[in-house]
Amino acid sequence: MSKWKRIFENAFRDFEEVDELEMELSFYAAASTSDIKNLEDSKQVQLTKDLKSMFLEFNGISVKEKYWGRKNLYLPLSEVMGDVEDYIVNSGNPMPPETELNSVVFFAQQNGYAVLYGMCCQPFGEFEAGQVLVLDHETGEFEVESDNLEEFVSNSWHCGLS
């Protein structure tokens, strides 16, 4: 089994609500190098080595829950460049400056994009490349969620949709 799937599946098993919510997960097929290049070109940023390797291993994770049905927990690149960008533009929520948004590549979500997690791919302000940031939809500010992708993926807290 590949590195990122193994780390996520271990965290998923430790998620307290897996049995209660009758959760099932599915990994999407790997992203292509051309899909990754398209994302990098559109955001004018280089993905970190870890984020790129995760996308090359799987291009998102879908989770089915008893109450909410099936939703994407880790986002496929098509959703990153489509629905997430539309949400940021049209949500009416406060957002950080475009230069900051373009430095972050969102890859996971909870609660219908109310919580968006992204990899800082280009340093800005107090944030360093390689940190996983969370976008606060109420303030439009970033905060550090994890110091690196492995720490984020291995945390069972990030296995739920709500």
N, C-alpha and C. Protein backbone atom coordinates (compact mmCIF):
# COMPACT_ATOMS: atom_id res chain seq x y z
N MET A 1 0.84 -1.18 0.00
CA MET A 1 0.00 0.00 0.00
C MET A 1 0.88 1.24 0.00
N SER A 2 0.39 2.26 -0.62
CA SER A 2 1.15 3.50 -0.75
C SER A 2 1.13 4.31 0.54
N LYS A 3 2.11 5.18 0.66
CA LYS A 3 2.34 5.95 1.88
C LYS A 3 1.11 6.72 2.35
N TRP A 4 0.56 7.58 1.51
CA TRP A 4 -0.52 8.47 1.95
C TRP A 4 -1.80 7.71 2.25
N LYS A 5 -2.11 6.70 1.46
CA LYS A 5 -3.30 5.88 1.74
C LYS A 5 -3.15 5.18 3.09
N ARG A 6 -1.98 4.63 3.35
CA ARG A 6 -1.74 3.93 4.61
C ARG A 6 -1.90 4.88 5.79
N ILE A 7 -1.32 6.07 5.69
CA ILE A 7 -1.42 7.04 6.79
C ILE A 7 -2.88 7.43 7.01
N PHE A 8 -3.61 7.73 5.92
CA PHE A 8 -5.01 8.12 6.06
C PHE A 8 -5.85 6.99 6.62
N GLU A 9 -5.68 5.78 6.11
CA GLU A 9 -6.49 4.65 6.59
C GLU A 9 -6.25 4.38 8.07
N ASN A 10 -5.02 4.53 8.55
CA ASN A 10 -4.75 4.37 9.99
C ASN A 10 -5.50 5.42 10.80
N ALA A 11 -5.49 6.67 10.34
CA ALA A 11 -6.21 7.73 11.04
C ALA A 11 -7.72 7.48 10.97
N PHE A 12 -8.20 7.03 9.81
CA PHE A 12 -9.63 6.78 9.62
C PHE A 12 -10.13 5.72 10.60
N ARG A 13 -9.34 4.66 10.79
CA ARG A 13 -9.72 3.61 11.74
C ARG A 13 -9.81 4.14 13.17
N ASP A 14 -8.99 5.15 13.48
CA ASP A 14 -8.99 5.73 14.82
C ASP A 14 -10.06 6.80 15.02
N PHE A 15 -10.75 7.19 13.95
CA PHE A 15 -11.79 8.22 14.05
C PHE A 15 -12.96 7.66 14.86
N GLU A 16 -13.29 8.30 15.96
CA GLU A 16 -14.25 7.77 16.93
C GLU A 16 -15.63 7.49 16.35
N GLU A 17 -16.05 8.23 15.33
CA GLU A 17 -17.42 8.12 14.84
C GLU A 17 -17.57 7.19 13.63
N VAL A 18 -16.52 6.47 13.24
CA VAL A 18 -16.58 5.63 12.05
C VAL A 18 -17.72 4.63 12.14
N ASP A 19 -17.82 3.90 13.23
CA ASP A 19 -18.86 2.88 13.35
C ASP A 19 -20.24 3.49 13.53
N GLU A 20 -20.34 4.50 14.38
CA GLU A 20 -21.63 5.14 14.64
C GLU A 20 -22.24 5.74 13.38
N LEU A 21 -21.41 6.37 12.55
CA LEU A 21 -21.89 7.00 11.33
C LEU A 21 -21.88 6.07 10.13
N GLU A 22 -21.45 4.82 10.35
CA GLU A 22 -21.36 3.83 9.28
C GLU A 22 -20.59 4.39 8.08
N MET A 23 -19.40 4.91 8.37
CA MET A 23 -18.60 5.59 7.36
C MET A 23 -17.86 4.59 6.48
N GLU A 24 -17.85 4.88 5.19
CA GLU A 24 -17.09 4.12 4.20
C GLU A 24 -16.29 5.12 3.37
N LEU A 25 -15.07 4.74 3.00
CA LEU A 25 -14.28 5.66 2.20
C LEU A 25 -13.86 5.03 0.89
N SER A 26 -13.63 5.90 -0.09
CA SER A 26 -13.15 5.50 -1.41
C SER A 26 -12.08 6.48 -1.85
N PHE A 27 -10.98 5.94 -2.34
CA PHE A 27 -9.92 6.77 -2.89
C PHE A 27 -10.16 6.91 -4.39
N TYR A 28 -10.03 8.13 -4.90
CA TYR A 28 -10.10 8.34 -6.34
C TYR A 28 -8.77 7.92 -6.97
N ALA A 29 -8.82 7.60 -8.24
CA ALA A 29 -7.60 7.24 -8.98
C ALA A 29 -6.63 8.41 -8.95
N ALA A 30 -5.37 8.10 -9.12
CA ALA A 30 -4.31 9.10 -9.08
C ALA A 30 -4.54 10.20 -10.11
N ALA A 31 -4.10 11.40 -9.77
CA ALA A 31 -4.11 12.50 -10.74
C ALA A 31 -2.99 12.27 -11.75
N SER A 32 -3.16 12.82 -12.91
CA SER A 32 -2.10 12.72 -13.91
C SER A 32 -1.12 13.89 -13.72
N THR A 33 0.07 13.72 -14.23
CA THR A 33 1.04 14.81 -14.15
C THR A 33 0.55 16.03 -14.92
N SER A 34 -0.21 15.83 -15.99
CA SER A 34 -0.73 16.98 -16.74
C SER A 34 -1.82 17.70 -15.94
N ASP A 35 -2.63 16.97 -15.15
CA ASP A 35 -3.62 17.62 -14.27
C ASP A 35 -2.92 18.48 -13.22
N ILE A 36 -1.85 17.95 -12.67
CA ILE A 36 -1.09 18.70 -11.66
C ILE A 36 -0.45 19.93 -12.30
N LYS A 37 0.11 19.77 -13.48
CA LYS A 37 0.71 20.91 -14.19
C LYS A 37 -0.34 21.97 -14.48
N ASN A 38 -1.55 21.57 -14.87
CA ASN A 38 -2.63 22.54 -15.13
C ASN A 38 -2.95 23.33 -13.87
N LEU A 39 -3.01 22.66 -12.73
CA LEU A 39 -3.28 23.34 -11.46
C LEU A 39 -2.15 24.33 -11.15
N GLU A 40 -0.92 23.87 -11.26
CA GLU A 40 0.22 24.74 -10.98
C GLU A 40 0.23 25.96 -11.91
N ASP A 41 -0.07 25.74 -13.18
CA ASP A 41 -0.11 26.85 -14.14
C ASP A 41 -1.24 27.82 -13.82
N SER A 42 -2.41 27.31 -13.45
CA SER A 42 -3.54 28.19 -13.19
C SER A 42 -3.32 29.02 -11.92
N LYS A 43 -2.65 28.45 -10.93
CA LYS A 43 -2.39 29.19 -9.69
C LYS A 43 -1.02 29.86 -9.69
N GLN A 44 -0.22 29.58 -10.71
CA GLN A 44 1.14 30.12 -10.82
C GLN A 44 1.95 29.84 -9.56
N VAL A 45 1.93 28.55 -9.17
CA VAL A 45 2.64 28.10 -7.96
C VAL A 45 3.08 26.66 -8.17
N GLN A 46 4.16 26.27 -7.55
CA GLN A 46 4.61 24.88 -7.57
C GLN A 46 4.05 24.16 -6.36
N LEU A 47 3.44 23.01 -6.55
CA LEU A 47 2.99 22.21 -5.42
C LEU A 47 4.19 21.73 -4.63
N THR A 48 3.99 21.57 -3.33
CA THR A 48 5.06 20.98 -2.53
C THR A 48 5.24 19.53 -2.94
N LYS A 49 6.40 18.99 -2.64
CA LYS A 49 6.71 17.60 -2.98
C LYS A 49 5.66 16.66 -2.37
N ASP A 50 5.30 16.88 -1.10
CA ASP A 50 4.33 16.01 -0.43
C ASP A 50 2.94 16.09 -1.05
N LEU A 51 2.46 17.30 -1.33
CA LEU A 51 1.12 17.43 -1.91
C LEU A 51 1.08 16.80 -3.30
N LYS A 52 2.13 17.03 -4.07
CA LYS A 52 2.20 16.43 -5.40
C LYS A 52 2.20 14.90 -5.30
N SER A 53 2.98 14.35 -4.37
CA SER A 53 3.03 12.89 -4.24
C SER A 53 1.69 12.33 -3.77
N MET A 54 0.97 13.08 -2.93
CA MET A 54 -0.35 12.61 -2.51
C MET A 54 -1.31 12.59 -3.69
N PHE A 55 -1.33 13.67 -4.49
CA PHE A 55 -2.21 13.70 -5.68
C PHE A 55 -1.83 12.61 -6.68
N LEU A 56 -0.55 12.28 -6.77
CA LEU A 56 -0.13 11.22 -7.69
C LEU A 56 -0.47 9.84 -7.15
N GLU A 57 -0.77 9.76 -5.86
CA GLU A 57 -1.19 8.49 -5.26
C GLU A 57 -2.71 8.34 -5.30
N PHE A 58 -3.41 9.40 -4.97
CA PHE A 58 -4.88 9.43 -5.09
C PHE A 58 -5.31 10.88 -5.30
N ASN A 59 -6.36 11.05 -6.07
CA ASN A 59 -6.86 12.37 -6.43
C ASN A 59 -8.16 12.64 -5.69
N GLY A 60 -8.08 12.62 -4.36
CA GLY A 60 -9.25 12.87 -3.53
C GLY A 60 -9.74 11.62 -2.82
N ILE A 61 -10.52 11.86 -1.78
CA ILE A 61 -11.12 10.78 -1.00
C ILE A 61 -12.60 11.12 -0.80
N SER A 62 -13.43 10.19 -1.15
CA SER A 62 -14.87 10.31 -0.95
C SER A 62 -15.26 9.50 0.28
N VAL A 63 -16.11 10.09 1.12
CA VAL A 63 -16.56 9.41 2.33
C VAL A 63 -18.08 9.37 2.31
N LYS A 64 -18.62 8.20 2.62
CA LYS A 64 -20.07 8.04 2.74
C LYS A 64 -20.40 7.92 4.22
N GLU A 65 -21.36 8.74 4.66
CA GLU A 65 -21.82 8.70 6.05
C GLU A 65 -23.31 8.38 6.07
N LYS A 66 -23.74 7.76 7.16
CA LYS A 66 -25.13 7.34 7.32
C LYS A 66 -26.11 8.50 7.12
N TYR A 67 -25.81 9.67 7.66
CA TYR A 67 -26.75 10.78 7.64
C TYR A 67 -26.59 11.73 6.47
N TRP A 68 -25.35 11.90 5.98
CA TRP A 68 -25.10 12.94 4.98
C TRP A 68 -24.83 12.40 3.59
N GLY A 69 -24.80 11.11 3.43
CA GLY A 69 -24.52 10.55 2.12
C GLY A 69 -23.04 10.62 1.77
N ARG A 70 -22.74 10.61 0.47
CA ARG A 70 -21.36 10.59 0.00
C ARG A 70 -20.92 12.01 -0.36
N LYS A 71 -19.75 12.38 0.16
CA LYS A 71 -19.16 13.69 -0.13
C LYS A 71 -17.65 13.55 -0.20
N ASN A 72 -17.03 14.51 -0.84
CA ASN A 72 -15.57 14.51 -0.92
C ASN A 72 -14.99 15.13 0.34
N LEU A 73 -14.13 14.39 0.99
CA LEU A 73 -13.40 14.88 2.15
C LEU A 73 -12.08 15.49 1.68
N TYR A 74 -11.30 14.73 0.91
CA TYR A 74 -10.11 15.24 0.24
C TYR A 74 -10.55 15.50 -1.19
N LEU A 75 -10.21 16.64 -1.72
CA LEU A 75 -10.78 17.13 -2.96
C LEU A 75 -10.00 16.68 -4.20
N PRO A 76 -10.71 16.20 -5.22
CA PRO A 76 -10.03 15.94 -6.49
C PRO A 76 -9.65 17.27 -7.14
N LEU A 77 -8.63 17.25 -7.98
CA LEU A 77 -8.15 18.48 -8.62
C LEU A 77 -9.25 19.20 -9.39
N SER A 78 -10.16 18.46 -10.00
CA SER A 78 -11.25 19.10 -10.74
C SER A 78 -12.11 19.95 -9.81
N GLU A 79 -12.31 19.51 -8.59
CA GLU A 79 -13.10 20.26 -7.62
C GLU A 79 -12.29 21.45 -7.07
N VAL A 80 -11.00 21.25 -6.90
CA VAL A 80 -10.12 22.34 -6.43
C VAL A 80 -10.18 23.50 -7.41
N MET A 81 -10.09 23.18 -8.71
CA MET A 81 -10.06 24.24 -9.73
C MET A 81 -11.45 24.68 -10.16
N GLY A 82 -12.49 23.97 -9.75
CA GLY A 82 -13.85 24.32 -10.16
C GLY A 82 -14.68 24.83 -8.99
N ASP A 83 -15.29 23.91 -8.26
CA ASP A 83 -16.24 24.26 -7.21
C ASP A 83 -15.63 25.10 -6.09
N VAL A 84 -14.40 24.78 -5.68
CA VAL A 84 -13.79 25.54 -4.58
C VAL A 84 -13.51 26.97 -5.02
N GLU A 85 -12.99 27.14 -6.23
CA GLU A 85 -12.75 28.50 -6.72
C GLU A 85 -14.05 29.27 -6.85
N ASP A 86 -15.13 28.62 -7.32
CA ASP A 86 -16.44 29.27 -7.40
C ASP A 86 -16.94 29.66 -6.01
N TYR A 87 -16.76 28.77 -5.04
CA TYR A 87 -17.17 29.06 -3.67
C TYR A 87 -16.45 30.29 -3.14
N ILE A 88 -15.15 30.35 -3.34
CA ILE A 88 -14.36 31.47 -2.84
C ILE A 88 -14.83 32.79 -3.47
N VAL A 89 -15.11 32.77 -4.76
CA VAL A 89 -15.53 33.98 -5.45
C VAL A 89 -16.97 34.38 -5.08
N ASN A 90 -17.86 33.40 -4.91
CA ASN A 90 -19.29 33.70 -4.80
C ASN A 90 -19.91 33.50 -3.42
N SER A 91 -19.14 33.07 -2.43
CA SER A 91 -19.74 32.74 -1.13
C SER A 91 -20.22 33.95 -0.35
N GLY A 92 -19.63 35.10 -0.61
CA GLY A 92 -19.97 36.28 0.18
C GLY A 92 -19.22 36.33 1.50
N ASN A 93 -18.44 35.30 1.78
CA ASN A 93 -17.64 35.28 3.00
C ASN A 93 -16.41 36.16 2.82
N PRO A 94 -15.89 36.70 3.93
CA PRO A 94 -14.62 37.44 3.82
C PRO A 94 -13.53 36.50 3.33
N MET A 95 -12.66 37.00 2.48
CA MET A 95 -11.58 36.19 1.93
C MET A 95 -10.27 36.96 2.04
N PRO A 96 -9.17 36.22 2.15
CA PRO A 96 -7.86 36.88 2.15
C PRO A 96 -7.56 37.48 0.77
N PRO A 97 -6.52 38.30 0.69
CA PRO A 97 -6.15 38.85 -0.63
C PRO A 97 -5.83 37.74 -1.63
N GLU A 98 -6.03 38.04 -2.89
CA GLU A 98 -5.81 37.05 -3.96
C GLU A 98 -4.40 36.49 -3.95
N THR A 99 -3.41 37.34 -3.63
CA THR A 99 -2.03 36.85 -3.60
C THR A 99 -1.86 35.74 -2.56
N GLU A 100 -2.54 35.87 -1.42
CA GLU A 100 -2.48 34.82 -0.40
C GLU A 100 -3.23 33.58 -0.87
N LEU A 101 -4.42 33.76 -1.45
CA LEU A 101 -5.21 32.63 -1.95
C LEU A 101 -4.43 31.85 -3.00
N ASN A 102 -3.70 32.54 -3.84
CA ASN A 102 -2.94 31.87 -4.89
C ASN A 102 -1.71 31.16 -4.36
N SER A 103 -1.33 31.43 -3.12
CA SER A 103 -0.19 30.75 -2.50
C SER A 103 -0.59 29.44 -1.83
N VAL A 104 -1.89 29.20 -1.74
CA VAL A 104 -2.43 28.04 -1.04
C VAL A 104 -3.22 27.18 -2.02
N VAL A 105 -3.00 25.87 -1.96
CA VAL A 105 -3.78 24.93 -2.77
C VAL A 105 -4.65 24.13 -1.82
N PHE A 106 -5.97 24.33 -1.91
CA PHE A 106 -6.91 23.62 -1.05
C PHE A 106 -7.00 22.17 -1.50
N PHE A 107 -7.06 21.26 -0.54
CA PHE A 107 -7.11 19.84 -0.87
C PHE A 107 -8.09 19.05 -0.01
N ALA A 108 -8.64 19.65 1.03
CA ALA A 108 -9.57 18.93 1.91
C ALA A 108 -10.61 19.92 2.43
N GLN A 109 -11.74 19.39 2.87
CA GLN A 109 -12.81 20.24 3.36
C GLN A 109 -13.63 19.52 4.41
N GLN A 110 -14.39 20.30 5.14
CA GLN A 110 -15.42 19.78 6.03
C GLN A 110 -16.62 20.71 5.93
N ASN A 111 -17.80 20.18 6.16
CA ASN A 111 -19.02 20.97 6.27
C ASN A 111 -19.29 21.84 5.04
N GLY A 112 -19.21 21.23 3.86
CA GLY A 112 -19.56 21.94 2.63
C GLY A 112 -18.72 23.16 2.36
N TYR A 113 -17.44 23.07 2.53
CA TYR A 113 -16.44 24.13 2.31
C TYR A 113 -16.42 25.17 3.44
N ALA A 114 -17.23 25.00 4.47
CA ALA A 114 -17.15 25.94 5.60
C ALA A 114 -15.78 25.87 6.24
N VAL A 115 -15.14 24.71 6.15
CA VAL A 115 -13.77 24.54 6.62
C VAL A 115 -12.96 24.04 5.41
N LEU A 116 -12.03 24.85 4.96
CA LEU A 116 -11.17 24.48 3.84
C LEU A 116 -9.73 24.38 4.32
N TYR A 117 -9.10 23.25 3.99
CA TYR A 117 -7.70 23.02 4.34
C TYR A 117 -6.86 23.12 3.08
N GLY A 118 -5.75 23.82 3.18
CA GLY A 118 -4.89 23.97 2.01
C GLY A 118 -3.42 23.91 2.38
N MET A 119 -2.63 23.54 1.40
CA MET A 119 -1.18 23.49 1.56
C MET A 119 -0.61 24.84 1.17
N CYS A 120 0.16 25.43 2.04
CA CYS A 120 0.90 26.65 1.70
C CYS A 120 2.04 26.24 0.77
N CYS A 121 1.95 26.65 -0.48
CA CYS A 121 2.95 26.27 -1.47
C CYS A 121 3.96 27.37 -1.73
N GLN A 122 3.62 28.57 -1.31
CA GLN A 122 4.51 29.71 -1.48
C GLN A 122 4.40 30.55 -0.21
N PRO A 123 5.50 30.81 0.49
CA PRO A 123 5.42 31.53 1.76
C PRO A 123 4.80 32.92 1.62
N PHE A 124 4.05 33.30 2.63
CA PHE A 124 3.51 34.66 2.71
C PHE A 124 3.25 34.97 4.18
N GLY A 125 3.34 36.23 4.54
CA GLY A 125 3.12 36.64 5.93
C GLY A 125 3.94 35.77 6.86
N GLU A 126 3.26 35.20 7.85
CA GLU A 126 3.92 34.33 8.83
C GLU A 126 3.93 32.86 8.42
N PHE A 127 3.41 32.55 7.26
CA PHE A 127 3.24 31.15 6.85
C PHE A 127 4.38 30.67 5.96
N GLU A 128 4.75 29.40 6.16
CA GLU A 128 5.86 28.80 5.43
C GLU A 128 5.34 27.74 4.47
N ALA A 129 6.04 27.57 3.37
CA ALA A 129 5.70 26.51 2.43
C ALA A 129 5.77 25.17 3.16
N GLY A 130 4.78 24.32 2.91
CA GLY A 130 4.72 23.01 3.54
C GLY A 130 3.76 22.93 4.71
N GLN A 131 3.34 24.07 5.24
CA GLN A 131 2.37 24.04 6.33
C GLN A 131 0.97 23.84 5.75
N VAL A 132 0.13 23.14 6.51
CA VAL A 132 -1.28 23.00 6.14
C VAL A 132 -2.03 24.10 6.87
N LEU A 133 -2.75 24.91 6.10
CA LEU A 133 -3.49 26.03 6.65
C LEU A 133 -4.98 25.76 6.57
N VAL A 134 -5.73 26.37 7.47
CA VAL A 134 -7.18 26.32 7.42
C VAL A 134 -7.66 27.75 7.18
N LEU A 135 -8.65 27.89 6.30
CA LEU A 135 -9.23 29.19 6.00
C LEU A 135 -10.46 29.37 6.87
N ASP A 136 -10.45 30.38 7.71
CA ASP A 136 -11.60 30.70 8.56
C ASP A 136 -12.63 31.43 7.71
N HIS A 137 -13.77 30.79 7.46
CA HIS A 137 -14.78 31.37 6.57
C HIS A 137 -15.48 32.58 7.18
N GLU A 138 -15.35 32.78 8.48
CA GLU A 138 -15.99 33.93 9.11
C GLU A 138 -15.10 35.17 9.08
N THR A 139 -13.78 34.97 9.14
CA THR A 139 -12.87 36.12 9.15
C THR A 139 -12.10 36.28 7.86
N GLY A 140 -12.03 35.22 7.06
CA GLY A 140 -11.24 35.26 5.83
C GLY A 140 -9.75 35.24 6.09
N GLU A 141 -9.37 34.70 7.24
CA GLU A 141 -7.95 34.64 7.58
C GLU A 141 -7.47 33.19 7.63
N PHE A 142 -6.20 33.02 7.34
CA PHE A 142 -5.59 31.70 7.43
C PHE A 142 -5.02 31.49 8.83
N GLU A 143 -5.02 30.22 9.25
CA GLU A 143 -4.36 29.80 10.48
C GLU A 143 -3.62 28.50 10.18
N VAL A 144 -2.55 28.24 10.91
CA VAL A 144 -1.84 26.98 10.74
C VAL A 144 -2.65 25.86 11.38
N GLU A 145 -2.93 24.82 10.61
CA GLU A 145 -3.63 23.64 11.11
C GLU A 145 -2.63 22.56 11.49
N SER A 146 -1.61 22.35 10.65
CA SER A 146 -0.57 21.35 10.88
C SER A 146 0.73 21.87 10.31
N ASP A 147 1.83 21.44 10.88
CA ASP A 147 3.13 21.88 10.40
C ASP A 147 3.52 21.26 9.07
N ASN A 148 2.89 20.11 8.73
CA ASN A 148 3.21 19.45 7.47
C ASN A 148 2.06 18.52 7.08
N LEU A 149 2.10 18.02 5.87
CA LEU A 149 1.02 17.20 5.34
C LEU A 149 0.89 15.87 6.08
N GLU A 150 2.00 15.25 6.40
CA GLU A 150 1.93 13.96 7.10
C GLU A 150 1.23 14.10 8.45
N GLU A 151 1.54 15.16 9.17
CA GLU A 151 0.88 15.41 10.46
C GLU A 151 -0.62 15.58 10.26
N PHE A 152 -1.02 16.32 9.21
CA PHE A 152 -2.43 16.55 8.93
C PHE A 152 -3.14 15.24 8.59
N VAL A 153 -2.58 14.49 7.64
CA VAL A 153 -3.23 13.26 7.17
C VAL A 153 -3.34 12.23 8.28
N SER A 154 -2.39 12.20 9.20
CA SER A 154 -2.40 11.20 10.26
C SER A 154 -3.30 11.58 11.44
N ASN A 155 -3.90 12.75 11.41
CA ASN A 155 -4.78 13.19 12.50
C ASN A 155 -6.21 12.75 12.23
N SER A 156 -6.77 11.91 13.09
CA SER A 156 -8.11 11.37 12.86
C SER A 156 -9.18 12.44 12.89
N TRP A 157 -8.91 13.58 13.48
CA TRP A 157 -9.89 14.67 13.54
C TRP A 157 -10.32 15.10 12.12
N HIS A 158 -9.43 14.97 11.15
CA HIS A 158 -9.71 15.42 9.79
C HIS A 158 -10.39 14.34 8.96
N CYS A 159 -10.90 13.30 9.57
CA CYS A 159 -11.57 12.23 8.83
C CYS A 159 -13.07 12.42 8.71
N GLY A 160 -13.63 13.39 9.41
CA GLY A 160 -15.08 13.60 9.38
C GLY A 160 -15.47 14.72 8.47
N LEU A 161 -16.71 14.69 8.00
CA LEU A 161 -17.20 15.69 7.08
C LEU A 161 -17.83 16.89 7.78
N SER A 162 -18.21 16.73 9.04
CA SER A 162 -18.91 17.85 9.70
C SER A 162 -18.08 18.46 10.78
